[in-house]
C-alpha atoms as a PDB file:
ATOM      1  CA  MET A   1       0.000   0.000   0.000  1.00  0.00           C
ATOM      2  CA  ALA A   2       1.321   3.426  -0.858  1.00  0.00           C
ATOM      3  CA  LEU A   3      -0.005   6.662   0.585  1.00  0.00           C
ATOM      4  CA  VAL A   4       0.822   9.945  -1.141  1.00  0.00           C
ATOM      5  CA  VAL A   5       0.075  13.251   0.564  1.00  0.00           C
ATOM      6  CA  ASP A   6       0.506  16.397  -1.487  1.00  0.00           C
ATOM      7  CA  ASN A   7      -1.227  19.017   0.662  1.00  0.00           C
ATOM      8  CA  ILE A   8      -0.005  19.278   4.239  1.00  0.00           C
ATOM      9  CA  GLU A   9      -0.936  22.535   5.912  1.00  0.00           C
ATOM     10  CA  LYS A  10       0.054  22.117   9.567  1.00  0.00           C
ATOM     11  CA  GLN A  11       3.428  20.410   9.102  1.00  0.00           C
ATOM     12  CA  PRO A  12       6.671  21.705   7.609  1.00  0.00           C
ATOM     13  CA  ILE A  13       6.358  19.217   4.736  1.00  0.00           C
ATOM     14  CA  LYS A  14       5.441  19.967   1.107  1.00  0.00           C
ATOM     15  CA  GLN A  15       4.619  16.400   0.141  1.00  0.00           C
ATOM     16  CA  ALA A  16       5.171  12.900   1.441  1.00  0.00           C
ATOM     17  CA  THR A  17       4.960   9.284   0.300  1.00  0.00           C
ATOM     18  CA  MET A  18       4.691   6.351   2.683  1.00  0.00           C
ATOM     19  CA  THR A  19       4.847   2.736   1.544  1.00  0.00           C
ATOM     20  CA  LEU A  20       3.603  -0.013   3.831  1.00  0.00           C
ATOM     21  CA  THR A  21       4.321  -3.639   2.918  1.00  0.00           C
ATOM     22  CA  LEU A  22       2.679  -6.510   4.795  1.00  0.00           C
ATOM     23  CA  SER A  23       4.006 -10.060   4.441  1.00  0.00           C
ATOM     24  CA  GLY A  24       2.353 -13.322   5.428  1.00  0.00           C
ATOM     25  CA  GLY A  25       4.219 -14.803   8.346  1.00  0.00           C
ATOM     26  CA  GLY A  26       2.089 -17.458   9.995  1.00  0.00           C
ATOM     27  CA  GLU A  27       0.885 -16.235  13.375  1.00  0.00           C
ATOM     28  CA  THR A  28       2.298 -12.753  12.809  1.00  0.00           C
ATOM     29  CA  THR A  29       2.309 -10.332   9.903  1.00  0.00           C
ATOM     30  CA  PRO A  30       5.694  -8.689   9.346  1.00  0.00           C
ATOM     31  CA  CYS A  31       5.389  -5.082   8.225  1.00  0.00           C
ATOM     32  CA  THR A  32       7.936  -2.922   6.448  1.00  0.00           C
ATOM     33  CA  MET A  33       7.417   0.820   6.204  1.00  0.00           C
ATOM     34  CA  SER A  34       9.371   3.374   4.224  1.00  0.00           C
ATOM     35  CA  TYR A  35       8.744   7.046   3.669  1.00  0.00           C
ATOM     36  CA  ASP A  36      10.068   9.894   1.611  1.00  0.00           C
ATOM     37  CA  TYR A  37       9.148  13.542   1.970  1.00  0.00           C
ATOM     38  CA  GLU A  38      10.028  17.009   0.764  1.00  0.00           C
ATOM     39  CA  PRO A  39      10.318  19.524   3.618  1.00  0.00           C
ATOM     40  CA  LYS A  40       9.188  23.125   3.342  1.00  0.00           C
ATOM     41  CA  GLY A  41      11.610  25.900   4.154  1.00  0.00           C
ATOM     42  CA  GLY A  42      14.186  26.024   1.374  1.00  0.00           C
ATOM     43  CA  PRO A  43      17.675  26.183   2.930  1.00  0.00           C
ATOM     44  CA  LEU A  44      16.242  25.651   6.421  1.00  0.00           C
ATOM     45  CA  ALA A  45      15.001  22.232   5.304  1.00  0.00           C
ATOM     46  CA  PHE A  46      18.570  20.999   5.781  1.00  0.00           C
ATOM     47  CA  VAL A  47      18.256  21.850   9.469  1.00  0.00           C
ATOM     48  CA  PHE A  48      14.700  20.551   9.888  1.00  0.00           C
ATOM     49  CA  GLY A  49      15.264  17.254   8.041  1.00  0.00           C
ATOM     50  CA  PRO A  50      16.808  15.250  10.922  1.00  0.00           C
ATOM     51  CA  MET A  51      14.209  16.601  13.362  1.00  0.00           C
ATOM     52  CA  LEU A  52      11.370  15.603  11.016  1.00  0.00           C
ATOM     53  CA  ASP A  53      12.888  12.142  10.601  1.00  0.00           C
ATOM     54  CA  ARG A  54      12.782  11.579  14.356  1.00  0.00           C
ATOM     55  CA  GLN A  55       9.212  12.873  14.664  1.00  0.00           C
ATOM     56  CA  MET A  56       7.941  10.798  11.748  1.00  0.00           C
ATOM     57  CA  LYS A  57       9.656   7.654  13.000  1.00  0.00           C
ATOM     58  CA  LYS A  58       8.131   8.137  16.459  1.00  0.00           C
ATOM     59  CA  ALA A  59       4.639   8.766  15.033  1.00  0.00           C
ATOM     60  CA  PHE A  60       4.762   5.781  12.683  1.00  0.00           C
ATOM     61  CA  GLN A  61       6.148   3.515  15.388  1.00  0.00           C
ATOM     62  CA  GLY A  62       3.271   4.547  17.651  1.00  0.00           C
ATOM     63  CA  PHE A  63       0.841   3.650  14.886  1.00  0.00           C
ATOM     64  CA  MET A  64       2.486   0.280  14.281  1.00  0.00           C
ATOM     65  CA  ASP A  65       2.555  -0.527  17.995  1.00  0.00           C
ATOM     66  CA  ASN A  66      -1.200  -0.007  18.312  1.00  0.00           C
ATOM     67  CA  PRO A  67      -2.959   0.467  14.935  1.00  0.00           C
ATOM     68  CA  GLU A  68      -6.471   0.034  16.377  1.00  0.00           C
ATOM     69  CA  SER A  69      -5.987   2.886  18.838  1.00  0.00           C
ATOM     70  CA  ALA A  70      -4.413   5.086  16.149  1.00  0.00           C
ATOM     71  CA  ALA A  71      -7.332   4.430  13.781  1.00  0.00           C
ATOM     72  CA  GLN A  72      -9.875   5.296  16.483  1.00  0.00           C
ATOM     73  CA  ALA A  73      -8.032   8.516  17.324  1.00  0.00           C
ATOM     74  CA  ALA A  74      -8.177   9.574  13.664  1.00  0.00           C
ATOM     75  CA  ASN A  75     -11.992   9.491  13.667  1.00  0.00           C
END
């Protein structure tokens, strides 16, 4: 599954793409996630990039740890 976001108003990101791959694994379902984004801010994007990486990783990890709760919070 790929998710492409091209209009992000409240984050310092112009556009983002997240790819989520689920694999059959018996009793568990291994999941691989990758993302790519273009930060807003021109030259300041160089400074914000590592900070955004940490924030995005934390947010996605929280989603993966408890997807049901994350889905309910989105409603």
